[in-house]
N, C-alpha and C. Protein backbone atom coordinates (compact mmCIF):
# COMPACT_ATOMS: atom_id res chain seq x y z
N GLU A 1 -9.83 -13.41 18.73
CA GLU A 1 -8.83 -14.35 19.43
C GLU A 1 -8.11 -14.10 17.76
N LEU A 2 -6.76 -14.27 18.76
CA LEU A 2 -6.15 -14.52 17.24
C LEU A 2 -4.53 -15.26 17.75
N SER A 3 -4.06 -17.35 17.19
CA SER A 3 -3.20 -16.96 17.29
C SER A 3 -1.99 -17.11 16.20
N VAL A 4 -1.18 -17.71 16.76
CA VAL A 4 -0.26 -16.85 15.46
C VAL A 4 1.36 -18.22 16.22
N SER A 5 1.84 -19.03 15.29
CA SER A 5 2.71 -20.77 16.11
C SER A 5 3.29 -21.12 14.38
N GLU A 6 4.60 -21.32 15.67
CA GLU A 6 5.66 -21.49 14.61
C GLU A 6 6.16 -22.78 15.24
N THR A 7 6.67 -24.24 15.06
CA THR A 7 6.99 -25.01 14.75
C THR A 7 8.49 -25.54 14.65
N LEU A 8 9.02 -25.28 15.01
CA LEU A 8 10.90 -25.21 15.72
C LEU A 8 10.99 -26.44 16.26
N THR A 9 11.87 -27.48 15.36
CA THR A 9 13.20 -29.57 15.95
C THR A 9 13.98 -28.27 16.55
N PRO A 10 14.85 -29.08 17.02
CA PRO A 10 15.81 -28.80 18.20
C PRO A 10 17.10 -28.80 16.73
N SER A 11 16.96 -28.54 16.07
CA SER A 11 18.37 -28.77 14.84
C SER A 11 18.14 -27.16 14.62
N ASP A 12 16.63 -26.78 14.80
CA ASP A 12 16.46 -25.30 13.90
C ASP A 12 17.82 -24.54 15.38
N LEU A 13 17.46 -24.00 16.97
CA LEU A 13 17.94 -23.58 17.22
C LEU A 13 18.82 -24.32 18.27
N ALA A 14 20.05 -23.25 18.59
CA ALA A 14 20.98 -24.00 19.93
C ALA A 14 20.63 -23.47 21.23
N SER A 15 20.63 -24.77 21.93
CA SER A 15 20.14 -24.29 23.29
C SER A 15 20.72 -22.57 23.39
N GLY A 16 19.52 -22.47 24.09
CA GLY A 16 19.54 -20.57 25.57
C GLY A 16 19.31 -18.91 23.40
N GLU A 17 19.59 -20.62 22.75
CA GLU A 17 19.04 -19.76 21.65
C GLU A 17 17.65 -18.34 21.82
N SER A 18 16.97 -17.86 20.98
CA SER A 18 15.97 -17.34 21.20
C SER A 18 15.44 -16.66 19.97
N PHE A 19 13.63 -17.36 19.20
CA PHE A 19 13.74 -16.54 18.07
C PHE A 19 12.20 -16.24 18.16
N THR A 20 12.72 -15.47 17.56
CA THR A 20 11.03 -14.50 17.48
C THR A 20 10.23 -13.98 16.25
N ILE A 21 9.36 -13.68 15.81
CA ILE A 21 8.70 -13.20 15.39
C ILE A 21 7.49 -11.98 15.48
N GLU A 22 7.51 -11.00 14.71
CA GLU A 22 7.07 -9.93 14.40
C GLU A 22 6.41 -10.13 13.45
N GLY A 23 5.07 -9.57 13.29
CA GLY A 23 4.02 -9.26 11.74
C GLY A 23 2.55 -8.56 11.66
N TYR A 24 1.92 -9.28 11.03
CA TYR A 24 0.40 -8.00 10.05
C TYR A 24 -0.23 -9.51 9.98
N VAL A 25 -1.11 -9.21 10.55
CA VAL A 25 -2.56 -10.08 9.62
C VAL A 25 -3.52 -9.53 9.00
N ASN A 26 -3.63 -9.92 8.00
CA ASN A 26 -3.97 -10.03 7.67
C ASN A 26 -5.52 -11.61 7.09
N PHE A 27 -6.79 -11.77 7.27
CA PHE A 27 -7.72 -12.36 6.84
C PHE A 27 -7.39 -13.46 5.09
N THR A 28 -7.97 -14.58 5.28
CA THR A 28 -7.47 -14.80 4.04
C THR A 28 -8.01 -14.15 3.07
N ASN A 29 -8.97 -13.50 3.18
CA ASN A 29 -10.12 -13.06 2.37
C ASN A 29 -9.43 -11.29 1.80
N GLY A 30 -8.59 -11.32 2.35
CA GLY A 30 -7.98 -9.63 1.92
C GLY A 30 -7.98 -9.23 3.18
N THR A 31 -9.27 -9.64 4.21
CA THR A 31 -8.98 -7.76 4.54
C THR A 31 -8.02 -8.02 6.15
N VAL A 32 -7.95 -6.86 6.31
CA VAL A 32 -6.10 -6.29 7.04
C VAL A 32 -6.61 -5.82 8.63
N ILE A 33 -6.43 -6.96 9.25
CA ILE A 33 -6.53 -6.81 10.62
C ILE A 33 -5.33 -5.85 11.23
N ASP A 34 -4.03 -6.01 10.63
CA ASP A 34 -3.32 -5.54 11.59
C ASP A 34 -1.94 -5.46 10.75
N ASN A 35 -1.93 -4.04 10.21
CA ASN A 35 -1.04 -3.77 9.09
C ASN A 35 0.72 -3.93 9.70
N TYR A 36 1.85 -4.37 9.75
CA TYR A 36 2.03 -3.60 10.43
C TYR A 36 3.63 -5.46 9.68
N PRO A 37 4.35 -4.14 9.34
CA PRO A 37 5.48 -5.97 8.92
C PRO A 37 5.78 -6.43 9.57
N VAL A 38 6.41 -7.90 8.64
CA VAL A 38 7.96 -8.59 9.59
C VAL A 38 8.74 -9.16 9.61
N SER A 39 8.56 -9.22 10.47
CA SER A 39 10.77 -8.98 10.90
C SER A 39 10.31 -10.40 12.25
N VAL A 40 11.95 -11.95 11.25
CA VAL A 40 11.77 -12.29 12.01
C VAL A 40 13.88 -11.94 12.32
N TYR A 41 13.66 -12.97 13.83
CA TYR A 41 14.44 -12.25 14.82
C TYR A 41 15.28 -13.69 15.25
N ARG A 42 16.53 -13.86 15.39
CA ARG A 42 17.11 -14.87 16.08
C ARG A 42 18.75 -15.08 16.64
N ASN A 43 18.39 -15.38 18.34
CA ASN A 43 19.03 -13.88 19.11
C ASN A 43 19.21 -12.91 19.44
N GLY A 44 18.06 -11.80 19.10
CA GLY A 44 18.12 -10.82 18.46
C GLY A 44 18.41 -9.57 17.25
N THR A 45 19.18 -10.77 16.26
CA THR A 45 19.31 -10.30 14.89
C THR A 45 18.45 -10.38 14.10
N ARG A 46 18.02 -9.95 13.39
CA ARG A 46 16.44 -9.75 12.14
C ARG A 46 17.35 -10.53 11.26
N LEU A 47 16.61 -11.92 11.36
CA LEU A 47 16.93 -13.05 9.68
C LEU A 47 16.45 -12.50 8.72
N ALA A 48 15.30 -11.33 9.18
CA ALA A 48 14.62 -10.76 7.00
C ALA A 48 13.83 -10.17 7.54
N LYS A 49 14.96 -8.93 6.51
CA LYS A 49 14.58 -7.67 6.86
C LYS A 49 13.03 -7.84 6.45
N SER A 50 12.35 -6.25 6.96
CA SER A 50 11.00 -5.99 7.04
C SER A 50 11.06 -4.83 5.91
N ASP A 51 10.51 -5.75 5.33
CA ASP A 51 10.63 -4.09 3.97
C ASP A 51 9.22 -4.06 3.27
N TRP A 52 8.38 -3.88 4.22
CA TRP A 52 7.08 -3.13 3.40
C TRP A 52 6.70 -1.72 3.43
N PHE A 53 6.53 -1.58 2.16
CA PHE A 53 6.82 0.72 1.89
C PHE A 53 6.19 1.03 3.47
N ASN A 54 5.63 0.51 3.34
CA ASN A 54 4.33 1.75 3.91
C ASN A 54 3.39 1.32 3.96
N SER A 55 3.08 1.49 5.49
CA SER A 55 2.10 0.92 6.50
C SER A 55 0.45 1.05 5.34
N SER A 56 -0.29 1.96 4.77
CA SER A 56 -1.17 2.62 4.43
C SER A 56 -1.71 2.10 3.61
N TRP A 57 -0.62 0.81 2.86
CA TRP A 57 -0.81 0.21 1.55
C TRP A 57 -0.85 -1.26 2.23
N TYR A 58 -1.79 -1.75 1.55
CA TYR A 58 -2.34 -2.99 2.05
C TYR A 58 -2.51 -4.26 1.42
N TYR A 59 -1.23 -4.60 -0.40
CA TYR A 59 -1.72 -4.93 -1.25
C TYR A 59 0.43 -4.38 -1.70
N ARG A 60 0.59 -5.64 -2.56
CA ARG A 60 2.05 -5.56 -3.22
C ARG A 60 2.08 -6.65 -4.32
N MET A 61 2.52 -6.13 -5.24
CA MET A 61 2.66 -7.00 -6.69
C MET A 61 4.02 -7.39 -7.09
N PRO A 62 5.26 -7.83 -6.88
CA PRO A 62 6.20 -8.98 -7.58
C PRO A 62 6.44 -8.48 -8.34
N VAL A 63 6.92 -7.22 -9.35
CA VAL A 63 7.30 -7.00 -10.82
C VAL A 63 8.80 -7.85 -10.32
N ASN A 64 9.49 -8.58 -11.96
CA ASN A 64 11.31 -8.20 -11.55
C ASN A 64 11.29 -7.86 -12.81
N ILE A 65 11.97 -7.23 -13.09
CA ILE A 65 12.92 -6.39 -14.25
C ILE A 65 13.98 -6.84 -14.44
N THR A 66 14.79 -7.77 -16.14
CA THR A 66 15.51 -8.03 -16.21
C THR A 66 16.80 -7.04 -17.13
N GLU A 67 17.42 -6.93 -17.27
CA GLU A 67 18.20 -6.16 -17.99
C GLU A 67 18.98 -6.86 -18.93
N ARG A 68 19.27 -6.77 -19.61
CA ARG A 68 19.91 -7.93 -21.09
C ARG A 68 20.26 -7.31 -22.22
N SER A 69 20.88 -6.22 -22.48
CA SER A 69 22.16 -5.55 -22.84
C SER A 69 23.40 -6.10 -22.42
N ASN A 70 23.09 -6.56 -20.91
CA ASN A 70 24.76 -6.48 -20.41
C ASN A 70 25.57 -4.87 -19.59
N GLY A 71 24.73 -4.19 -20.20
CA GLY A 71 25.05 -2.66 -20.26
C GLY A 71 23.97 -2.15 -18.93
N SER A 72 24.67 -0.55 -18.07
CA SER A 72 24.33 -0.18 -16.55
C SER A 72 22.69 0.97 -17.89
N LEU A 73 22.41 0.95 -16.39
CA LEU A 73 20.85 1.91 -17.44
C LEU A 73 20.51 3.09 -16.41
N ILE A 74 20.96 3.91 -16.56
CA ILE A 74 20.55 5.06 -15.65
C ILE A 74 19.63 5.33 -15.57
N GLU A 75 18.38 5.53 -14.38
CA GLU A 75 17.48 6.17 -15.00
C GLU A 75 16.07 6.31 -16.42
N TYR A 76 16.52 4.74 -16.43
CA TYR A 76 15.98 3.76 -17.78
C TYR A 76 14.44 3.50 -17.89
N SER A 77 13.42 4.08 -18.40
CA SER A 77 12.00 4.07 -18.74
C SER A 77 11.79 2.59 -19.10
N VAL A 78 11.00 1.87 -18.06
CA VAL A 78 10.46 0.68 -18.39
C VAL A 78 9.46 0.31 -18.64
N ASN A 79 9.22 -0.20 -19.42
CA ASN A 79 7.47 -0.71 -20.11
C ASN A 79 6.76 -1.47 -19.46
N LEU A 80 5.55 -1.27 -18.65
CA LEU A 80 4.88 -3.03 -17.79
C LEU A 80 3.16 -2.59 -18.86
N THR A 81 2.86 -4.43 -18.59
CA THR A 81 2.33 -3.85 -18.52
C THR A 81 1.40 -5.36 -18.28
N LEU A 82 0.43 -4.72 -16.96
CA LEU A 82 -0.07 -5.32 -15.63
C LEU A 82 -2.21 -5.62 -16.28
N ASP A 83 -2.04 -6.35 -15.46
CA ASP A 83 -3.84 -6.28 -14.96
C ASP A 83 -4.54 -5.50 -14.58
N THR A 84 -5.21 -4.85 -14.58
CA THR A 84 -6.14 -4.11 -13.38
C THR A 84 -7.19 -4.53 -12.29
N SER A 85 -7.90 -4.96 -13.52
CA SER A 85 -8.99 -5.11 -13.88
C SER A 85 -9.37 -5.95 -12.91
N GLN A 86 -8.94 -6.98 -12.63
CA GLN A 86 -8.83 -7.78 -11.64
C GLN A 86 -8.47 -8.02 -9.68
N ILE A 87 -7.41 -7.41 -10.35
CA ILE A 87 -7.60 -5.90 -8.29
C ILE A 87 -7.78 -5.35 -8.48
N ILE A 88 -8.81 -5.03 -9.19
CA ILE A 88 -10.00 -3.73 -9.05
C ILE A 88 -11.14 -3.97 -8.67
N ALA A 89 -11.19 -5.46 -9.38
CA ALA A 89 -12.67 -6.30 -9.63
C ALA A 89 -12.76 -6.73 -7.75
N GLU A 90 -11.37 -7.08 -6.91
CA GLU A 90 -12.03 -8.02 -6.29
C GLU A 90 -11.76 -7.08 -5.42
N GLY A 91 -12.09 -5.37 -5.55
CA GLY A 91 -11.88 -3.98 -3.99
C GLY A 91 -11.04 -3.88 -3.19
N LYS A 92 -9.42 -4.34 -4.62
CA LYS A 92 -8.19 -4.42 -3.78
C LYS A 92 -6.91 -2.99 -4.49
N MET A 93 -7.98 -2.41 -5.57
CA MET A 93 -7.38 -1.16 -5.90
C MET A 93 -7.89 -0.05 -6.33
N LYS A 94 -8.84 1.02 -6.57
CA LYS A 94 -8.90 1.89 -6.72
C LYS A 94 -9.32 1.95 -8.43
N ASN A 95 -10.07 2.28 -8.75
CA ASN A 95 -11.07 2.25 -9.72
C ASN A 95 -10.11 2.58 -11.08
N ASP A 96 -9.19 4.09 -11.45
CA ASP A 96 -9.37 5.66 -10.92
C ASP A 96 -6.90 4.91 -11.08
N CYS A 97 -7.05 4.22 -11.33
CA CYS A 97 -5.42 3.74 -10.21
C CYS A 97 -4.85 4.49 -9.15
N SER A 98 -5.02 5.29 -8.80
CA SER A 98 -4.33 6.51 -8.26
C SER A 98 -3.05 6.35 -6.93
N ASP A 99 -4.21 5.44 -6.59
CA ASP A 99 -3.74 4.80 -5.02
C ASP A 99 -2.12 3.64 -5.71
N ILE A 100 -1.71 3.50 -6.82
CA ILE A 100 -0.31 2.54 -7.23
C ILE A 100 0.41 3.89 -6.81
N GLN A 101 1.60 1.87 -6.31
CA GLN A 101 3.14 3.10 -6.09
C GLN A 101 3.72 2.52 -6.01
N PHE A 102 4.87 2.58 -6.50
CA PHE A 102 6.46 1.26 -6.96
C PHE A 102 7.18 1.75 -6.03
N ILE A 103 8.45 0.39 -6.05
CA ILE A 103 9.08 0.75 -5.08
C ILE A 103 9.54 -0.42 -5.40
N ASP A 104 11.42 0.72 -5.01
CA ASP A 104 11.83 -1.14 -4.92
C ASP A 104 12.51 -1.69 -4.17
N ASN A 105 13.97 -2.83 -4.35
CA ASN A 105 13.11 -3.09 -2.49
C ASN A 105 14.54 -3.49 -1.50
N GLU A 106 14.73 -1.71 -1.54
CA GLU A 106 15.59 -0.60 -1.15
C GLU A 106 14.74 0.72 0.10
N SER A 107 12.97 0.19 -0.38
CA SER A 107 12.17 1.31 -0.01
C SER A 107 11.97 2.52 -0.81
N ASN A 108 12.26 2.55 -2.07
CA ASN A 108 12.94 4.44 -2.48
C ASN A 108 11.85 3.54 -3.78
N GLU A 109 10.91 5.43 -3.81
CA GLU A 109 10.04 5.93 -4.59
C GLU A 109 10.16 5.40 -5.79
N LEU A 110 9.65 5.28 -6.87
CA LEU A 110 10.42 4.88 -8.11
C LEU A 110 9.08 5.81 -8.91
N PRO A 111 9.68 7.43 -10.00
CA PRO A 111 8.85 7.61 -10.77
C PRO A 111 8.19 6.68 -12.33
N PHE A 112 7.18 7.16 -12.15
CA PHE A 112 6.13 5.92 -12.88
C PHE A 112 4.98 6.87 -13.64
N TRP A 113 4.29 6.05 -14.72
CA TRP A 113 3.06 6.45 -15.26
C TRP A 113 2.25 5.71 -15.89
N VAL A 114 1.45 6.41 -15.10
CA VAL A 114 0.33 5.44 -15.92
C VAL A 114 -0.12 5.94 -17.43
N GLU A 115 -0.08 5.01 -18.00
CA GLU A 115 0.78 5.18 -19.69
C GLU A 115 -1.37 5.83 -20.33
N SER A 116 -2.21 4.20 -19.82
CA SER A 116 -2.83 3.94 -20.66
C SER A 116 -4.34 2.77 -19.45
N SER A 117 -5.71 2.48 -20.56
CA SER A 117 -6.62 2.68 -19.12
C SER A 117 -6.45 1.55 -18.01
N CYS A 118 -7.00 2.59 -16.56
CA CYS A 118 -6.52 1.45 -16.03
C CYS A 118 -7.45 0.87 -15.34
N ASN A 119 -8.13 -0.75 -14.98
CA ASN A 119 -9.09 -1.41 -14.81
C ASN A 119 -9.81 -1.74 -16.46
N ALA A 120 -7.95 -2.39 -16.81
CA ALA A 120 -8.03 -3.56 -17.78
C ALA A 120 -6.90 -4.79 -17.41
N VAL A 121 -6.78 -5.43 -18.78
CA VAL A 121 -6.01 -6.67 -19.19
C VAL A 121 -5.26 -6.30 -19.35
N ASN A 122 -4.83 -5.23 -19.90
CA ASN A 122 -3.48 -5.13 -20.52
C ASN A 122 -3.22 -3.35 -20.47
N THR A 123 -3.03 -3.05 -18.63
CA THR A 123 -2.77 -1.54 -18.44
C THR A 123 -1.49 -1.08 -18.64
N THR A 124 -1.35 -0.27 -19.77
CA THR A 124 0.50 0.67 -19.85
C THR A 124 0.63 1.26 -18.46
N MET A 125 1.31 0.02 -17.93
CA MET A 125 3.33 1.57 -16.80
C MET A 125 3.64 2.06 -17.93
N TRP A 126 4.79 2.82 -17.49
CA TRP A 126 6.55 3.05 -17.29
C TRP A 126 6.82 3.17 -16.03
N VAL A 127 8.02 2.08 -15.68
CA VAL A 127 8.35 2.94 -14.37
C VAL A 127 10.28 2.94 -14.68
N LYS A 128 10.72 4.22 -14.01
CA LYS A 128 12.40 4.49 -14.42
C LYS A 128 12.79 3.95 -13.11
N VAL A 129 13.37 3.03 -13.70
CA VAL A 129 14.82 2.80 -12.86
C VAL A 129 16.31 2.30 -12.66
N ASN A 130 16.73 2.09 -12.40
CA ASN A 130 18.13 2.40 -12.65
C ASN A 130 19.48 1.04 -12.57
N LEU A 131 19.66 -0.41 -13.31
CA LEU A 131 20.20 -0.95 -13.89
C LEU A 131 21.35 -1.35 -13.95
N SER A 132 21.45 -2.44 -13.82
CA SER A 132 23.42 -3.48 -14.49
C SER A 132 23.09 -4.08 -14.85
N GLY A 133 24.44 -4.13 -15.99
CA GLY A 133 24.05 -5.06 -16.81
C GLY A 133 23.54 -6.81 -16.25
N ALA A 134 22.78 -6.89 -16.87
CA ALA A 134 22.63 -8.46 -16.75
C ALA A 134 20.97 -8.49 -15.30
N GLU A 135 21.08 -7.66 -14.59
CA GLU A 135 20.75 -7.47 -13.72
C GLU A 135 18.80 -8.45 -13.38
N LEU A 136 18.54 -8.78 -12.13
CA LEU A 136 17.68 -8.88 -12.47
C LEU A 136 17.25 -7.92 -11.03
N LYS A 137 15.71 -6.66 -11.59
CA LYS A 137 15.80 -5.74 -10.53
C LYS A 137 14.63 -6.24 -9.87
N PRO A 138 14.41 -6.66 -8.30
CA PRO A 138 12.91 -6.26 -8.00
C PRO A 138 12.39 -5.52 -7.14
N VAL A 139 11.08 -5.17 -7.81
CA VAL A 139 10.58 -3.87 -7.57
C VAL A 139 9.09 -4.61 -7.23
N TYR A 140 8.26 -3.16 -6.35
CA TYR A 140 6.86 -3.78 -6.11
C TYR A 140 6.14 -2.51 -6.43
N MET A 141 5.21 -2.92 -6.69
CA MET A 141 3.89 -1.75 -6.81
C MET A 141 3.21 -2.04 -6.49
N TYR A 142 2.73 -1.28 -4.94
CA TYR A 142 2.31 -1.91 -4.00
C TYR A 142 0.70 -0.79 -4.37
N TYR A 143 -0.92 -0.93 -3.77
CA TYR A 143 -1.67 -0.34 -4.18
C TYR A 143 -3.13 -0.84 -3.10
N GLY A 144 -4.09 -0.24 -2.63
CA GLY A 144 -4.77 0.07 -1.59
C GLY A 144 -4.94 0.21 -0.83
N ASN A 145 -4.34 1.69 -1.12
CA ASN A 145 -4.36 3.11 -0.39
C ASN A 145 -5.24 3.54 -1.00
N THR A 146 -6.38 3.39 0.16
CA THR A 146 -7.50 4.36 -0.98
C THR A 146 -7.86 5.84 0.10
N ASN A 147 -6.59 6.50 0.60
CA ASN A 147 -6.59 8.20 1.03
C ASN A 147 -5.17 8.26 -0.19
N ALA A 148 -4.52 7.87 -1.16
CA ALA A 148 -3.25 8.30 -1.86
C ALA A 148 -3.73 8.63 -3.07
N VAL A 149 -2.98 9.93 -3.37
CA VAL A 149 -3.36 10.37 -4.17
C VAL A 149 -2.53 10.00 -5.37
N SER A 150 -2.83 9.89 -6.70
CA SER A 150 -2.48 9.74 -7.46
C SER A 150 -0.60 10.25 -7.58
N ALA A 151 0.52 9.18 -8.22
CA ALA A 151 1.59 9.74 -7.75
C ALA A 151 2.45 9.15 -9.67
N SER A 152 0.76 8.90 -10.53
CA SER A 152 1.23 9.13 -11.61
C SER A 152 2.11 9.83 -12.45
N ASN A 153 3.37 10.83 -13.33
CA ASN A 153 3.79 11.75 -13.74
C ASN A 153 4.91 11.49 -14.82
N GLY A 154 3.75 11.05 -16.04
CA GLY A 154 5.38 11.18 -17.77
C GLY A 154 5.70 11.84 -17.01
N SER A 155 5.91 13.22 -16.67
CA SER A 155 7.15 13.45 -16.62
C SER A 155 8.37 14.01 -15.88
N ALA A 156 7.79 12.45 -15.43
CA ALA A 156 9.18 12.28 -13.70
C ALA A 156 9.25 10.87 -14.37
N ALA A 157 8.74 10.39 -14.85
CA ALA A 157 9.05 8.43 -15.37
C ALA A 157 10.32 8.64 -16.90
N MET A 158 9.89 9.07 -17.97
CA MET A 158 9.89 9.80 -18.89
C MET A 158 10.68 9.55 -19.33
N ALA A 159 11.81 10.07 -20.03
CA ALA A 159 13.51 10.65 -20.06
C ALA A 159 13.20 12.36 -21.36
N TYR A 160 11.87 12.28 -22.19
CA TYR A 160 10.87 12.55 -22.60
C TYR A 160 9.91 12.97 -22.31
N HIS A 161 8.54 13.05 -22.38
CA HIS A 161 7.20 12.94 -22.06
C HIS A 161 6.19 14.80 -22.87
N ASP A 162 5.12 13.60 -24.74
CA ASP A 162 3.68 14.82 -24.15
C ASP A 162 3.01 13.41 -24.63
N ASP A 163 1.86 14.30 -23.70
CA ASP A 163 0.84 13.35 -24.25
C ASP A 163 -0.29 14.25 -24.78
N PHE A 164 0.29 14.65 -25.76
CA PHE A 164 -0.26 15.90 -26.25
C PHE A 164 -2.18 16.31 -26.04
N GLU A 165 -2.09 16.36 -24.78
CA GLU A 165 -2.77 16.53 -23.99
C GLU A 165 -2.84 17.74 -23.53
N ASP A 166 -3.62 18.74 -23.37
CA ASP A 166 -3.19 20.01 -22.45
C ASP A 166 -3.51 20.25 -21.91
N ASN A 167 -4.65 19.74 -21.49
CA ASN A 167 -4.16 19.10 -19.70
C ASN A 167 -4.33 17.87 -18.85
N ARG A 168 -3.01 17.64 -19.16
CA ARG A 168 -2.97 16.69 -19.04
C ARG A 168 -1.09 17.62 -17.77
């Protein structure tokens, strides 16, 4: 049995207004019950954008990228260092990071490359983004899709890429 409730005070809604919440639920331990995006409606108008990229990915981590040169950067490769070991230890990410996908706040897939070892405290990744002057750009690292095939691609994520190995 599942129960969801929302408490509204009289000042939240005017007479005759309706308020609808739709969504997905996870147990507190992260086990997915049903994986559908949350949408909130007031009188039939969406108040909160349903921004979940794809229901095949169970988790996401927000990453904020700030442009500090006050210039526009087009297809700019940004270096990220993230702790993948903790996520893998929790059983939420594949051991080889092949279930990672980077998405911008408009649900566009972003080219990326996992440069250094996965399952490490300091996993180095590169993600290609467009930035305007002094922009704070939210992107999301999605993970937890057991059927995902690695989308990591150094040539797509970098203007010039050579990993100096013939077999990659």
